[in-house]
């Protein structure tokens, strides 16, 4: 079983797969009578043949090392995960190599980070690590298939950063 070490989630490392959603640095705009900073337009929603919608996902926690047996992708739309707690979660992605996932990469979020997967990005399932996770999910709502799964011939084992 091949080993994958999860790295801290950064915007630069994650850029090929999507955007990191976080309130870093100074806000773009000050609103609400000067009492609120707006971090504006952090991700692009990309939806084909449908509309963007907001759902809530409740996910059971998992632990590391994690046996990674499959990844999935959504060819009809981007998918954003915004945690509704301050608990970190694991993010697994893989480049597309001719319609199949390449070697996966793993990232550990820190409190206050969410992610937006580009349309068609291979990714692992929602993986809270320390407590049941509640996430706001912004993705495509529409008719027709929007899920492809790939099961690895040999699973990977994802570890925290060595």
N, C-alpha and C. Protein backbone atom coordinates (compact mmCIF):
# COMPACT_ATOMS: atom_id res chain seq x y z
N UNK A 1 0.85 -1.17 0.00
CA UNK A 1 0.00 0.00 0.00
C UNK A 1 0.90 1.24 0.00
N UNK A 2 0.69 2.13 -0.95
CA UNK A 2 1.49 3.35 -1.04
C UNK A 2 1.07 4.34 0.03
N UNK A 3 2.06 5.09 0.52
CA UNK A 3 1.83 6.07 1.58
C UNK A 3 1.70 7.46 0.99
N UNK A 4 0.74 8.22 1.52
CA UNK A 4 0.58 9.64 1.19
C UNK A 4 0.66 10.41 2.49
N UNK A 5 1.54 11.41 2.55
CA UNK A 5 1.63 12.28 3.72
C UNK A 5 0.82 13.55 3.46
N UNK A 6 -0.11 13.82 4.34
CA UNK A 6 -0.94 15.02 4.20
C UNK A 6 -0.13 16.25 4.58
N UNK A 7 -0.19 17.26 3.74
CA UNK A 7 0.52 18.52 3.97
C UNK A 7 -0.48 19.58 4.43
N UNK A 8 0.00 20.64 5.05
CA UNK A 8 -0.91 21.75 5.39
C UNK A 8 -1.53 22.33 4.12
N UNK A 9 -2.80 22.68 4.19
CA UNK A 9 -3.50 23.25 3.04
C UNK A 9 -3.07 24.69 2.82
N UNK A 10 -2.55 24.98 1.63
CA UNK A 10 -2.20 26.34 1.24
C UNK A 10 -2.84 26.63 -0.12
N UNK A 11 -3.09 27.90 -0.38
CA UNK A 11 -3.71 28.29 -1.65
C UNK A 11 -2.84 27.90 -2.83
N UNK A 12 -1.54 28.08 -2.72
CA UNK A 12 -0.64 27.76 -3.82
C UNK A 12 -0.61 26.28 -4.15
N UNK A 13 -0.50 25.44 -3.14
CA UNK A 13 -0.43 24.00 -3.37
C UNK A 13 -1.76 23.45 -3.88
N UNK A 14 -2.86 24.07 -3.48
CA UNK A 14 -4.19 23.57 -3.85
C UNK A 14 -4.69 24.14 -5.18
N UNK A 15 -4.03 25.17 -5.71
CA UNK A 15 -4.51 25.90 -6.89
C UNK A 15 -4.85 25.02 -8.09
N UNK A 16 -4.11 23.96 -8.40
CA UNK A 16 -4.51 23.15 -9.56
C UNK A 16 -5.87 22.46 -9.40
N UNK A 17 -6.35 22.35 -8.18
CA UNK A 17 -7.57 21.59 -7.89
C UNK A 17 -8.76 22.48 -7.53
N UNK A 18 -8.49 23.72 -7.14
CA UNK A 18 -9.57 24.61 -6.73
C UNK A 18 -9.05 25.76 -5.89
N UNK A 19 -9.94 26.33 -5.10
CA UNK A 19 -9.59 27.48 -4.27
C UNK A 19 -9.72 27.14 -2.80
N UNK A 20 -8.84 27.76 -2.00
CA UNK A 20 -8.94 27.69 -0.54
C UNK A 20 -9.79 28.88 -0.10
N UNK A 21 -10.77 28.61 0.73
CA UNK A 21 -11.65 29.66 1.24
C UNK A 21 -11.20 29.99 2.66
N UNK A 22 -10.67 31.19 2.84
CA UNK A 22 -10.20 31.60 4.17
C UNK A 22 -10.17 33.11 4.26
N UNK A 23 -10.24 33.61 5.46
CA UNK A 23 -10.19 35.05 5.73
C UNK A 23 -8.77 35.39 6.19
N UNK A 24 -7.86 35.49 5.23
CA UNK A 24 -6.46 35.80 5.51
C UNK A 24 -6.16 37.24 5.13
N UNK A 25 -5.35 37.90 5.94
CA UNK A 25 -4.97 39.27 5.64
C UNK A 25 -6.11 40.24 5.87
N UNK A 26 -5.98 41.39 5.24
CA UNK A 26 -7.01 42.43 5.39
C UNK A 26 -8.19 42.12 4.49
N UNK A 27 -9.40 42.43 4.94
CA UNK A 27 -10.57 42.20 4.09
C UNK A 27 -10.55 43.10 2.86
N UNK A 28 -11.25 42.67 1.82
CA UNK A 28 -11.35 43.45 0.59
C UNK A 28 -12.22 44.69 0.77
N UNK A 29 -13.23 44.55 1.62
CA UNK A 29 -14.18 45.64 1.83
C UNK A 29 -14.60 45.65 3.30
N UNK A 30 -14.89 46.84 3.77
CA UNK A 30 -15.47 47.00 5.11
C UNK A 30 -16.93 47.38 4.91
N UNK A 31 -17.82 46.63 5.55
CA UNK A 31 -19.26 46.82 5.37
C UNK A 31 -19.95 46.87 6.73
N UNK A 32 -21.26 46.99 6.70
CA UNK A 32 -22.10 46.96 7.91
C UNK A 32 -21.64 47.98 8.95
N UNK A 33 -21.66 49.24 8.52
CA UNK A 33 -21.31 50.35 9.40
C UNK A 33 -19.89 50.23 9.95
N UNK A 34 -19.00 49.65 9.15
CA UNK A 34 -17.60 49.54 9.54
C UNK A 34 -17.28 48.43 10.51
N UNK A 35 -18.24 47.54 10.77
CA UNK A 35 -18.05 46.49 11.78
C UNK A 35 -17.85 45.10 11.18
N UNK A 36 -17.72 45.01 9.86
CA UNK A 36 -17.60 43.70 9.22
C UNK A 36 -16.65 43.79 8.04
N UNK A 37 -15.71 42.87 7.98
CA UNK A 37 -14.82 42.78 6.84
C UNK A 37 -15.31 41.73 5.87
N UNK A 38 -15.38 42.10 4.59
CA UNK A 38 -15.82 41.15 3.55
C UNK A 38 -14.61 40.68 2.76
N UNK A 39 -14.42 39.38 2.70
CA UNK A 39 -13.40 38.76 1.87
C UNK A 39 -14.14 38.31 0.61
N UNK A 40 -14.02 39.10 -0.43
CA UNK A 40 -14.93 39.08 -1.58
C UNK A 40 -14.50 38.09 -2.66
N UNK A 41 -15.46 37.37 -3.21
CA UNK A 41 -15.31 36.57 -4.43
C UNK A 41 -14.12 35.60 -4.34
N UNK A 42 -14.13 34.73 -3.36
CA UNK A 42 -13.01 33.83 -3.09
C UNK A 42 -12.96 32.62 -4.00
N UNK A 43 -14.05 32.29 -4.66
CA UNK A 43 -14.08 31.09 -5.50
C UNK A 43 -15.05 31.29 -6.65
N UNK A 44 -14.82 30.52 -7.70
CA UNK A 44 -15.69 30.55 -8.87
C UNK A 44 -16.63 29.35 -8.84
N UNK A 45 -17.93 29.62 -8.85
CA UNK A 45 -18.92 28.55 -8.99
C UNK A 45 -19.05 28.26 -10.47
N UNK A 46 -18.91 27.00 -10.85
CA UNK A 46 -18.90 26.59 -12.25
C UNK A 46 -19.94 25.48 -12.39
N UNK A 47 -21.10 25.81 -12.95
CA UNK A 47 -22.22 24.87 -12.99
C UNK A 47 -22.73 24.75 -14.42
N UNK A 48 -22.83 23.52 -14.92
CA UNK A 48 -23.41 23.25 -16.23
C UNK A 48 -24.80 22.66 -16.06
N UNK A 49 -25.73 23.07 -16.92
CA UNK A 49 -27.06 22.46 -16.98
C UNK A 49 -27.73 22.30 -15.62
N UNK A 50 -27.78 23.35 -14.87
CA UNK A 50 -28.42 23.32 -13.57
C UNK A 50 -28.25 24.68 -12.91
N UNK A 51 -28.25 24.67 -11.60
CA UNK A 51 -28.08 25.91 -10.84
C UNK A 51 -27.22 25.61 -9.63
N UNK A 52 -26.65 26.64 -9.05
CA UNK A 52 -25.91 26.47 -7.79
C UNK A 52 -26.90 26.44 -6.64
N UNK A 53 -26.68 25.54 -5.71
CA UNK A 53 -27.53 25.43 -4.53
C UNK A 53 -26.68 25.22 -3.29
N UNK A 54 -27.28 25.44 -2.14
CA UNK A 54 -26.59 25.25 -0.86
C UNK A 54 -27.27 24.10 -0.12
N UNK A 55 -26.48 23.12 0.28
CA UNK A 55 -26.96 21.98 1.07
C UNK A 55 -26.13 21.90 2.34
N UNK A 56 -26.59 21.14 3.30
CA UNK A 56 -25.82 20.85 4.51
C UNK A 56 -25.47 19.37 4.51
N UNK A 57 -24.21 19.07 4.81
CA UNK A 57 -23.74 17.68 4.90
C UNK A 57 -23.32 17.41 6.33
N UNK A 58 -23.75 16.29 6.89
CA UNK A 58 -23.28 15.82 8.20
C UNK A 58 -22.44 14.58 7.94
N UNK A 59 -21.19 14.60 8.38
CA UNK A 59 -20.27 13.49 8.11
C UNK A 59 -19.65 12.98 9.40
N UNK A 60 -19.53 11.68 9.48
CA UNK A 60 -18.90 11.05 10.64
C UNK A 60 -17.39 11.23 10.58
N UNK A 61 -16.75 11.40 11.73
CA UNK A 61 -15.30 11.59 11.74
C UNK A 61 -14.57 10.30 11.38
N UNK A 62 -13.40 10.49 10.82
CA UNK A 62 -12.49 9.38 10.51
C UNK A 62 -11.17 9.69 11.17
N UNK A 63 -10.27 8.73 11.15
CA UNK A 63 -8.98 8.95 11.80
C UNK A 63 -7.85 8.64 10.82
N UNK A 64 -6.68 9.18 11.14
CA UNK A 64 -5.47 8.92 10.37
C UNK A 64 -4.65 7.86 11.09
N UNK A 65 -3.96 7.00 10.39
CA UNK A 65 -3.93 6.92 8.94
C UNK A 65 -5.27 6.46 8.37
N UNK A 66 -5.56 6.96 7.17
CA UNK A 66 -6.83 6.69 6.49
C UNK A 66 -6.56 5.81 5.27
N UNK A 67 -7.33 4.77 5.13
CA UNK A 67 -7.24 3.90 3.95
C UNK A 67 -8.05 4.56 2.83
N UNK A 68 -7.36 5.01 1.78
CA UNK A 68 -8.00 5.69 0.65
C UNK A 68 -8.23 4.67 -0.45
N UNK A 69 -9.49 4.31 -0.65
CA UNK A 69 -9.83 3.28 -1.62
C UNK A 69 -10.43 3.84 -2.91
N UNK A 70 -10.97 5.04 -2.83
CA UNK A 70 -11.63 5.61 -4.00
C UNK A 70 -11.60 7.12 -3.98
N UNK A 71 -11.77 7.69 -5.16
CA UNK A 71 -11.99 9.13 -5.32
C UNK A 71 -13.18 9.30 -6.25
N UNK A 72 -13.69 10.52 -6.28
CA UNK A 72 -14.83 10.82 -7.14
C UNK A 72 -14.63 12.18 -7.76
N UNK A 73 -15.46 12.48 -8.76
CA UNK A 73 -15.45 13.82 -9.34
C UNK A 73 -16.85 14.15 -9.85
N UNK A 74 -17.05 15.45 -10.06
CA UNK A 74 -18.35 15.96 -10.49
C UNK A 74 -18.13 16.73 -11.80
N UNK A 75 -18.38 16.10 -12.95
CA UNK A 75 -18.08 16.74 -14.23
C UNK A 75 -19.00 17.89 -14.59
N UNK A 76 -20.13 18.04 -13.89
CA UNK A 76 -21.09 19.08 -14.24
C UNK A 76 -21.01 20.32 -13.34
N UNK A 77 -20.13 20.30 -12.33
CA UNK A 77 -20.08 21.49 -11.48
C UNK A 77 -19.00 21.46 -10.44
N UNK A 78 -18.61 22.65 -10.02
CA UNK A 78 -17.68 22.79 -8.90
C UNK A 78 -18.40 22.38 -7.62
N UNK A 79 -17.63 22.23 -6.55
CA UNK A 79 -18.23 21.83 -5.27
C UNK A 79 -17.41 22.46 -4.14
N UNK A 80 -18.08 23.28 -3.33
CA UNK A 80 -17.42 23.97 -2.22
C UNK A 80 -17.87 23.37 -0.90
N UNK A 81 -16.91 23.23 0.03
CA UNK A 81 -17.18 22.74 1.38
C UNK A 81 -16.74 23.80 2.38
N UNK A 82 -17.70 24.31 3.14
CA UNK A 82 -17.43 25.33 4.14
C UNK A 82 -17.80 24.74 5.50
N UNK A 83 -16.80 24.44 6.33
CA UNK A 83 -17.11 23.82 7.63
C UNK A 83 -17.87 24.79 8.53
N UNK A 84 -18.79 24.25 9.30
CA UNK A 84 -19.57 25.07 10.22
C UNK A 84 -19.07 24.89 11.64
N UNK A 85 -17.82 24.44 11.76
CA UNK A 85 -17.13 24.34 13.04
C UNK A 85 -15.69 24.76 12.80
N UNK A 86 -14.89 24.75 13.84
CA UNK A 86 -13.48 25.12 13.69
C UNK A 86 -12.58 23.89 13.65
N UNK A 87 -13.15 22.71 13.47
CA UNK A 87 -12.34 21.49 13.44
C UNK A 87 -11.73 21.30 12.06
N UNK A 88 -10.44 20.91 12.01
CA UNK A 88 -9.80 20.62 10.72
C UNK A 88 -10.43 19.40 10.05
N UNK A 89 -10.22 19.31 8.75
CA UNK A 89 -10.65 18.12 8.01
C UNK A 89 -9.60 17.78 6.97
N UNK A 90 -9.67 16.57 6.46
CA UNK A 90 -8.72 16.08 5.46
C UNK A 90 -9.29 16.31 4.07
N UNK A 91 -8.44 16.76 3.16
CA UNK A 91 -8.82 16.96 1.76
C UNK A 91 -7.88 16.13 0.90
N UNK A 92 -8.44 15.27 0.07
CA UNK A 92 -7.66 14.45 -0.86
C UNK A 92 -8.06 14.83 -2.27
N UNK A 93 -7.07 15.03 -3.14
CA UNK A 93 -7.30 15.37 -4.54
C UNK A 93 -6.35 14.56 -5.41
N UNK A 94 -6.66 14.49 -6.69
CA UNK A 94 -5.77 13.81 -7.64
C UNK A 94 -5.88 14.51 -8.99
N UNK A 95 -4.77 14.62 -9.71
CA UNK A 95 -4.84 15.19 -11.05
C UNK A 95 -5.55 14.21 -11.99
N UNK A 96 -6.13 14.75 -13.04
CA UNK A 96 -6.73 13.89 -14.05
C UNK A 96 -5.65 13.48 -15.03
N UNK A 97 -5.58 12.19 -15.31
CA UNK A 97 -4.62 11.66 -16.28
C UNK A 97 -5.39 10.81 -17.29
N UNK A 98 -5.86 11.47 -18.34
CA UNK A 98 -6.58 10.76 -19.38
C UNK A 98 -7.92 10.19 -18.94
N UNK A 99 -8.62 10.91 -18.08
CA UNK A 99 -9.92 10.46 -17.62
C UNK A 99 -9.88 9.58 -16.39
N UNK A 100 -8.69 9.38 -15.84
CA UNK A 100 -8.52 8.59 -14.61
C UNK A 100 -7.70 9.43 -13.63
N UNK A 101 -7.86 9.19 -12.34
CA UNK A 101 -7.05 9.95 -11.38
C UNK A 101 -5.59 9.52 -11.39
N UNK A 102 -4.71 10.52 -11.27
CA UNK A 102 -3.29 10.24 -11.08
C UNK A 102 -3.01 10.00 -9.60
N UNK A 103 -1.77 10.16 -9.21
CA UNK A 103 -1.38 9.93 -7.81
C UNK A 103 -2.03 10.97 -6.91
N UNK A 104 -2.75 10.53 -5.88
CA UNK A 104 -3.44 11.47 -4.99
C UNK A 104 -2.47 12.30 -4.15
N UNK A 105 -2.96 13.46 -3.74
CA UNK A 105 -2.30 14.32 -2.76
C UNK A 105 -3.29 14.55 -1.63
N UNK A 106 -2.77 14.82 -0.45
CA UNK A 106 -3.64 15.04 0.71
C UNK A 106 -3.22 16.31 1.43
N UNK A 107 -4.22 17.01 1.96
CA UNK A 107 -4.01 18.26 2.69
C UNK A 107 -4.82 18.23 3.98
N UNK A 108 -4.27 18.85 5.00
CA UNK A 108 -4.99 19.05 6.26
C UNK A 108 -5.35 20.53 6.37
N UNK A 109 -6.63 20.81 6.57
CA UNK A 109 -7.05 22.19 6.76
C UNK A 109 -6.71 22.63 8.18
N UNK A 110 -6.79 23.93 8.39
CA UNK A 110 -6.72 24.46 9.75
C UNK A 110 -8.04 25.17 10.01
N UNK A 111 -8.28 25.51 11.24
CA UNK A 111 -9.53 26.17 11.60
C UNK A 111 -9.78 27.37 10.69
N UNK A 112 -10.99 27.50 10.20
CA UNK A 112 -11.37 28.64 9.38
C UNK A 112 -11.15 28.45 7.89
N UNK A 113 -10.67 27.29 7.45
CA UNK A 113 -10.46 27.06 6.03
C UNK A 113 -11.56 26.18 5.45
N UNK A 114 -12.02 26.54 4.27
CA UNK A 114 -12.89 25.71 3.46
C UNK A 114 -12.25 25.54 2.10
N UNK A 115 -12.90 24.80 1.23
CA UNK A 115 -12.33 24.56 -0.10
C UNK A 115 -13.43 24.57 -1.16
N UNK A 116 -13.01 24.88 -2.38
CA UNK A 116 -13.88 24.77 -3.55
C UNK A 116 -13.15 23.95 -4.59
N UNK A 117 -13.68 22.79 -4.93
CA UNK A 117 -13.09 21.96 -5.99
C UNK A 117 -13.54 22.50 -7.35
N UNK A 118 -12.58 22.63 -8.28
CA UNK A 118 -12.95 22.95 -9.65
C UNK A 118 -13.83 21.84 -10.22
N UNK A 119 -14.65 22.19 -11.17
CA UNK A 119 -15.47 21.20 -11.87
C UNK A 119 -14.57 20.11 -12.44
N UNK A 120 -14.91 18.84 -12.20
CA UNK A 120 -14.17 17.71 -12.74
C UNK A 120 -12.95 17.29 -11.95
N UNK A 121 -12.68 17.90 -10.81
CA UNK A 121 -11.51 17.53 -9.99
C UNK A 121 -11.77 16.22 -9.25
N UNK A 122 -10.84 15.29 -9.39
CA UNK A 122 -10.90 14.05 -8.60
C UNK A 122 -10.62 14.40 -7.15
N UNK A 123 -11.46 13.87 -6.24
CA UNK A 123 -11.27 14.18 -4.82
C UNK A 123 -11.79 13.05 -3.95
N UNK A 124 -11.27 12.99 -2.74
CA UNK A 124 -11.77 12.03 -1.76
C UNK A 124 -13.10 12.48 -1.19
N UNK A 125 -13.69 11.61 -0.40
CA UNK A 125 -14.97 11.94 0.22
C UNK A 125 -14.74 12.88 1.40
N UNK A 126 -15.81 13.50 1.87
CA UNK A 126 -15.74 14.43 2.99
C UNK A 126 -15.21 13.71 4.22
N UNK A 127 -14.14 14.27 4.81
CA UNK A 127 -13.41 13.56 5.86
C UNK A 127 -13.10 14.44 7.06
N UNK A 128 -14.09 14.69 7.94
CA UNK A 128 -13.76 15.35 9.21
C UNK A 128 -12.91 14.40 10.04
N UNK A 129 -12.04 14.95 10.87
CA UNK A 129 -11.09 14.10 11.61
C UNK A 129 -11.34 14.01 13.10
N UNK A 130 -11.91 15.03 13.72
CA UNK A 130 -11.92 15.05 15.18
C UNK A 130 -13.31 15.00 15.80
N UNK A 131 -14.32 15.29 15.02
CA UNK A 131 -15.69 15.32 15.53
C UNK A 131 -16.62 15.18 14.33
N UNK A 132 -17.86 14.80 14.55
CA UNK A 132 -18.78 14.81 13.41
C UNK A 132 -18.75 16.19 12.75
N UNK A 133 -18.73 16.20 11.44
CA UNK A 133 -18.61 17.45 10.71
C UNK A 133 -19.92 17.91 10.13
N UNK A 134 -20.18 19.19 10.25
CA UNK A 134 -21.32 19.81 9.60
C UNK A 134 -20.75 20.84 8.62
N UNK A 135 -21.12 20.71 7.36
CA UNK A 135 -20.56 21.55 6.30
C UNK A 135 -21.68 22.15 5.47
N UNK A 136 -21.53 23.43 5.10
CA UNK A 136 -22.34 24.01 4.05
C UNK A 136 -21.66 23.64 2.74
N UNK A 137 -22.42 23.09 1.82
CA UNK A 137 -21.88 22.64 0.54
C UNK A 137 -22.61 23.40 -0.57
N UNK A 138 -21.82 24.05 -1.42
CA UNK A 138 -22.37 24.81 -2.53
C UNK A 138 -21.98 24.06 -3.80
N UNK A 139 -22.97 23.50 -4.49
CA UNK A 139 -22.67 22.74 -5.69
C UNK A 139 -23.84 22.74 -6.64
N UNK A 140 -23.70 21.98 -7.72
CA UNK A 140 -24.70 21.92 -8.78
C UNK A 140 -25.94 21.16 -8.33
N UNK A 141 -27.09 21.76 -8.59
CA UNK A 141 -28.37 21.11 -8.41
C UNK A 141 -28.99 21.02 -9.81
N UNK A 142 -29.25 19.82 -10.27
CA UNK A 142 -29.82 19.67 -11.60
C UNK A 142 -30.03 18.22 -11.96
N UNK A 143 -30.73 18.01 -13.06
CA UNK A 143 -31.00 16.66 -13.54
C UNK A 143 -29.76 16.08 -14.20
N UNK A 144 -29.73 14.78 -14.30
CA UNK A 144 -28.64 14.11 -14.99
C UNK A 144 -27.49 13.77 -14.07
N UNK A 145 -26.65 12.86 -14.53
CA UNK A 145 -25.54 12.39 -13.69
C UNK A 145 -24.47 13.46 -13.48
N UNK A 146 -23.94 13.50 -12.27
CA UNK A 146 -22.87 14.44 -11.94
C UNK A 146 -21.89 13.80 -10.97
N UNK A 147 -21.74 12.50 -11.05
CA UNK A 147 -20.82 11.80 -10.15
C UNK A 147 -20.13 10.68 -10.91
N UNK A 148 -18.80 10.69 -10.88
CA UNK A 148 -18.00 9.58 -11.38
C UNK A 148 -17.13 9.12 -10.22
N UNK A 149 -17.05 7.82 -10.01
CA UNK A 149 -16.20 7.25 -8.96
C UNK A 149 -15.09 6.42 -9.60
N UNK A 150 -13.94 6.42 -8.94
CA UNK A 150 -12.83 5.57 -9.35
C UNK A 150 -12.31 4.83 -8.12
N UNK A 151 -12.31 3.52 -8.19
CA UNK A 151 -11.80 2.67 -7.11
C UNK A 151 -10.39 2.24 -7.48
N UNK A 152 -9.44 2.48 -6.60
CA UNK A 152 -8.05 2.13 -6.86
C UNK A 152 -7.85 0.62 -6.78
N UNK A 153 -7.00 0.09 -7.66
CA UNK A 153 -6.67 -1.33 -7.59
C UNK A 153 -5.98 -1.66 -6.28
N UNK A 154 -5.11 -0.75 -5.85
CA UNK A 154 -4.47 -0.90 -4.55
C UNK A 154 -4.69 0.38 -3.76
N UNK A 155 -5.26 0.30 -2.57
CA UNK A 155 -5.53 1.50 -1.78
C UNK A 155 -4.24 2.23 -1.38
N UNK A 156 -4.40 3.48 -1.03
CA UNK A 156 -3.33 4.30 -0.46
C UNK A 156 -3.59 4.41 1.04
N UNK A 157 -2.54 4.74 1.78
CA UNK A 157 -2.68 4.98 3.21
C UNK A 157 -2.25 6.42 3.46
N UNK A 158 -3.19 7.26 3.91
CA UNK A 158 -2.94 8.68 4.14
C UNK A 158 -2.57 8.90 5.60
N UNK A 159 -1.41 9.53 5.82
CA UNK A 159 -0.89 9.82 7.15
C UNK A 159 -0.84 11.33 7.36
N UNK A 160 -0.80 11.74 8.61
CA UNK A 160 -0.50 13.13 8.94
C UNK A 160 0.92 13.42 8.47
N UNK A 161 1.24 14.67 8.27
CA UNK A 161 2.58 15.06 7.82
C UNK A 161 3.63 14.44 8.72
N UNK A 162 4.62 13.83 8.08
CA UNK A 162 5.69 13.15 8.84
C UNK A 162 6.58 14.13 9.55
